[in-house]
Amino acid sequence: MDALNLYQEYFAAECTLNEIPRRAVRVMLTAESGGGQICYKAAVNFFRHEDAEDFCIQCDGYFEQVLYQAKGRRSKKREAEYLSHIREYADALASAQNGRILWEQTI
């Protein structure tokens, strides 16, 4: 399947995973298509962010939610709908890990 990042932004965050404090998060909306199938996913990836130059992403902080998966192709209307709710999806994923996204603090 071909993957496409529809949205990606970095924010300050508070989360501890595997006893390691994470201070930042990458919030994403992706579309994967291939073989007549389309799949939209919301995802968060918490990482350490020790300083302003530290964007080393750890794979153990990645969590995703499949928003839609079916036969078909990309839909601008569907993408706009998912993008308008990306913060809700990301907050739910973060809360499930006892984390919090600080939306007012982009990094």
C-alpha atoms as a PDB file:
ATOM      1  CA  MET A   1       0.000   0.000   0.000  1.00  0.00           C
ATOM      2  CA  ASP A   2       1.123   3.538  -0.682  1.00  0.00           C
ATOM      3  CA  ALA A   3       1.082   5.792   2.387  1.00  0.00           C
ATOM      4  CA  LEU A   4       0.500   9.523   2.298  1.00  0.00           C
ATOM      5  CA  ASN A   5       0.833  11.961   5.217  1.00  0.00           C
ATOM      6  CA  LEU A   6      -2.193  14.236   5.068  1.00  0.00           C
ATOM      7  CA  TYR A   7      -1.266  16.074   8.264  1.00  0.00           C
ATOM      8  CA  GLN A   8       1.730  16.092  10.583  1.00  0.00           C
ATOM      9  CA  GLU A   9       2.572  18.554  13.348  1.00  0.00           C
ATOM     10  CA  TYR A  10       4.705  18.526  16.502  1.00  0.00           C
ATOM     11  CA  PHE A  11       3.497  19.678  19.922  1.00  0.00           C
ATOM     12  CA  ALA A  12       4.743  19.699  23.495  1.00  0.00           C
ATOM     13  CA  ALA A  13       3.312  16.823  25.511  1.00  0.00           C
ATOM     14  CA  GLU A  14       3.355  15.068  28.844  1.00  0.00           C
ATOM     15  CA  CYS A  15       3.549  11.282  28.880  1.00  0.00           C
ATOM     16  CA  THR A  16       5.652   8.562  30.485  1.00  0.00           C
ATOM     17  CA  LEU A  17       6.158   5.346  28.526  1.00  0.00           C
ATOM     18  CA  ASN A  18       8.377   2.484  29.626  1.00  0.00           C
ATOM     19  CA  GLU A  19       9.480   4.658  32.561  1.00  0.00           C
ATOM     20  CA  ILE A  20      10.822   7.302  30.149  1.00  0.00           C
ATOM     21  CA  PRO A  21       9.303  10.805  30.253  1.00  0.00           C
ATOM     22  CA  ARG A  22       8.197  12.046  26.841  1.00  0.00           C
ATOM     23  CA  ARG A  23       7.977  15.797  26.354  1.00  0.00           C
ATOM     24  CA  ALA A  24       6.753  16.006  22.757  1.00  0.00           C
ATOM     25  CA  VAL A  25       4.388  14.328  20.331  1.00  0.00           C
ATOM     26  CA  ARG A  26       3.987  14.080  16.573  1.00  0.00           C
ATOM     27  CA  VAL A  27       0.309  14.100  15.562  1.00  0.00           C
ATOM     28  CA  MET A  28      -0.503  12.569  12.174  1.00  0.00           C
ATOM     29  CA  LEU A  29      -3.343  11.805   9.791  1.00  0.00           C
ATOM     30  CA  THR A  30      -2.405   9.318   7.069  1.00  0.00           C
ATOM     31  CA  ALA A  31      -4.058   7.688   4.095  1.00  0.00           C
ATOM     32  CA  GLU A  32      -2.924   4.330   2.729  1.00  0.00           C
ATOM     33  CA  SER A  33      -4.206   3.120  -0.610  1.00  0.00           C
ATOM     34  CA  GLY A  34      -3.554   0.178  -2.854  1.00  0.00           C
ATOM     35  CA  GLY A  35      -5.303  -2.739  -4.466  1.00  0.00           C
ATOM     36  CA  GLY A  36      -8.580  -0.845  -4.576  1.00  0.00           C
ATOM     37  CA  GLN A  37      -8.544  -0.275  -0.792  1.00  0.00           C
ATOM     38  CA  ILE A  38      -8.282   2.936   1.238  1.00  0.00           C
ATOM     39  CA  CYS A  39      -7.405   3.268   4.910  1.00  0.00           C
ATOM     40  CA  TYR A  40      -7.320   6.461   6.981  1.00  0.00           C
ATOM     41  CA  LYS A  41      -5.474   6.506  10.327  1.00  0.00           C
ATOM     42  CA  ALA A  42      -4.980   9.021  13.101  1.00  0.00           C
ATOM     43  CA  ALA A  43      -1.742   8.531  15.023  1.00  0.00           C
ATOM     44  CA  VAL A  44       0.396  10.014  17.780  1.00  0.00           C
ATOM     45  CA  ASN A  45       4.064   9.335  18.458  1.00  0.00           C
ATOM     46  CA  PHE A  46       5.429  10.486  21.822  1.00  0.00           C
ATOM     47  CA  PHE A  47       9.171  11.153  22.039  1.00  0.00           C
ATOM     48  CA  ARG A  48      11.709  12.498  24.552  1.00  0.00           C
ATOM     49  CA  HIS A  49      12.589  15.919  23.066  1.00  0.00           C
ATOM     50  CA  GLU A  50      15.482  16.625  25.427  1.00  0.00           C
ATOM     51  CA  ASP A  51      16.339  19.930  23.700  1.00  0.00           C
ATOM     52  CA  ALA A  52      15.254  22.089  20.757  1.00  0.00           C
ATOM     53  CA  GLU A  53      17.249  19.930  18.312  1.00  0.00           C
ATOM     54  CA  ASP A  54      16.064  16.537  19.615  1.00  0.00           C
ATOM     55  CA  PHE A  55      13.500  15.068  17.225  1.00  0.00           C
ATOM     56  CA  CYS A  56      14.590  11.455  17.684  1.00  0.00           C
ATOM     57  CA  ILE A  57      11.345   9.507  17.320  1.00  0.00           C
ATOM     58  CA  GLN A  58      11.033   6.303  19.356  1.00  0.00           C
ATOM     59  CA  CYS A  59       8.855   3.526  17.948  1.00  0.00           C
ATOM     60  CA  ASP A  60       7.593   2.492  21.396  1.00  0.00           C
ATOM     61  CA  GLY A  61       5.626   5.753  21.651  1.00  0.00           C
ATOM     62  CA  TYR A  62       3.539   5.197  18.498  1.00  0.00           C
ATOM     63  CA  PHE A  63      -0.225   4.678  18.757  1.00  0.00           C
ATOM     64  CA  GLU A  64      -2.796   4.741  15.979  1.00  0.00           C
ATOM     65  CA  GLN A  65      -6.509   4.438  15.351  1.00  0.00           C
ATOM     66  CA  VAL A  66      -8.016   3.263  12.064  1.00  0.00           C
ATOM     67  CA  LEU A  67     -10.700   5.781  11.168  1.00  0.00           C
ATOM     68  CA  TYR A  68     -11.905   4.200   7.945  1.00  0.00           C
ATOM     69  CA  GLN A  69     -10.981   1.140   5.902  1.00  0.00           C
ATOM     70  CA  ALA A  70     -12.909  -0.102   2.884  1.00  0.00           C
ATOM     71  CA  LYS A  71     -12.861  -0.622  -0.845  1.00  0.00           C
ATOM     72  CA  GLY A  72     -12.581   2.647  -2.663  1.00  0.00           C
ATOM     73  CA  ARG A  73     -10.243   5.553  -3.174  1.00  0.00           C
ATOM     74  CA  ARG A  74      -9.316   8.824  -1.504  1.00  0.00           C
ATOM     75  CA  SER A  75     -12.063  11.331  -0.805  1.00  0.00           C
ATOM     76  CA  LYS A  76     -11.335  15.028  -0.245  1.00  0.00           C
ATOM     77  CA  LYS A  77     -14.608  15.341   1.677  1.00  0.00           C
ATOM     78  CA  ARG A  78     -13.717  12.437   3.990  1.00  0.00           C
ATOM     79  CA  GLU A  79     -10.177  13.791   4.473  1.00  0.00           C
ATOM     80  CA  ALA A  80     -11.505  17.236   5.408  1.00  0.00           C
ATOM     81  CA  GLU A  81     -13.856  15.644   7.950  1.00  0.00           C
ATOM     82  CA  TYR A  82     -11.078  13.606   9.578  1.00  0.00           C
ATOM     83  CA  LEU A  83      -8.728  16.584   9.598  1.00  0.00           C
ATOM     84  CA  SER A  84     -11.343  18.748  11.323  1.00  0.00           C
ATOM     85  CA  HIS A  85     -11.441  16.188  14.175  1.00  0.00           C
ATOM     86  CA  ILE A  86      -7.739  15.296  14.358  1.00  0.00           C
ATOM     87  CA  ARG A  87      -7.323  16.852  17.804  1.00  0.00           C
ATOM     88  CA  GLU A  88     -10.154  14.748  19.212  1.00  0.00           C
ATOM     89  CA  TYR A  89      -8.653  11.550  17.792  1.00  0.00           C
ATOM     90  CA  ALA A  90      -5.180  12.480  19.064  1.00  0.00           C
ATOM     91  CA  ASP A  91      -6.485  13.403  22.530  1.00  0.00           C
ATOM     92  CA  ALA A  92      -8.224  10.019  22.783  1.00  0.00           C
ATOM     93  CA  LEU A  93      -5.035   8.184  21.792  1.00  0.00           C
ATOM     94  CA  ALA A  94      -2.982  10.246  24.261  1.00  0.00           C
ATOM     95  CA  SER A  95      -5.471   9.737  27.098  1.00  0.00           C
ATOM     96  CA  ALA A  96      -5.342   5.978  26.580  1.00  0.00           C
ATOM     97  CA  GLN A  97      -1.616   6.206  27.454  1.00  0.00           C
ATOM     98  CA  ASN A  98      -2.182   8.608  30.372  1.00  0.00           C
ATOM     99  CA  GLY A  99      -0.649  11.327  28.216  1.00  0.00           C
ATOM    100  CA  ARG A 100      -1.605  14.871  27.374  1.00  0.00           C
ATOM    101  CA  ILE A 101      -0.978  16.978  24.277  1.00  0.00           C
ATOM    102  CA  LEU A 102      -0.259  20.659  24.886  1.00  0.00           C
ATOM    103  CA  TRP A 103      -1.921  22.009  21.763  1.00  0.00           C
ATOM    104  CA  GLU A 104      -0.955  25.634  22.418  1.00  0.00           C
ATOM    105  CA  GLN A 105       2.785  24.765  22.357  1.00  0.00           C
ATOM    106  CA  THR A 106       4.005  23.789  18.903  1.00  0.00           C
ATOM    107  CA  ILE A 107       7.623  22.712  18.596  1.00  0.00           C
END
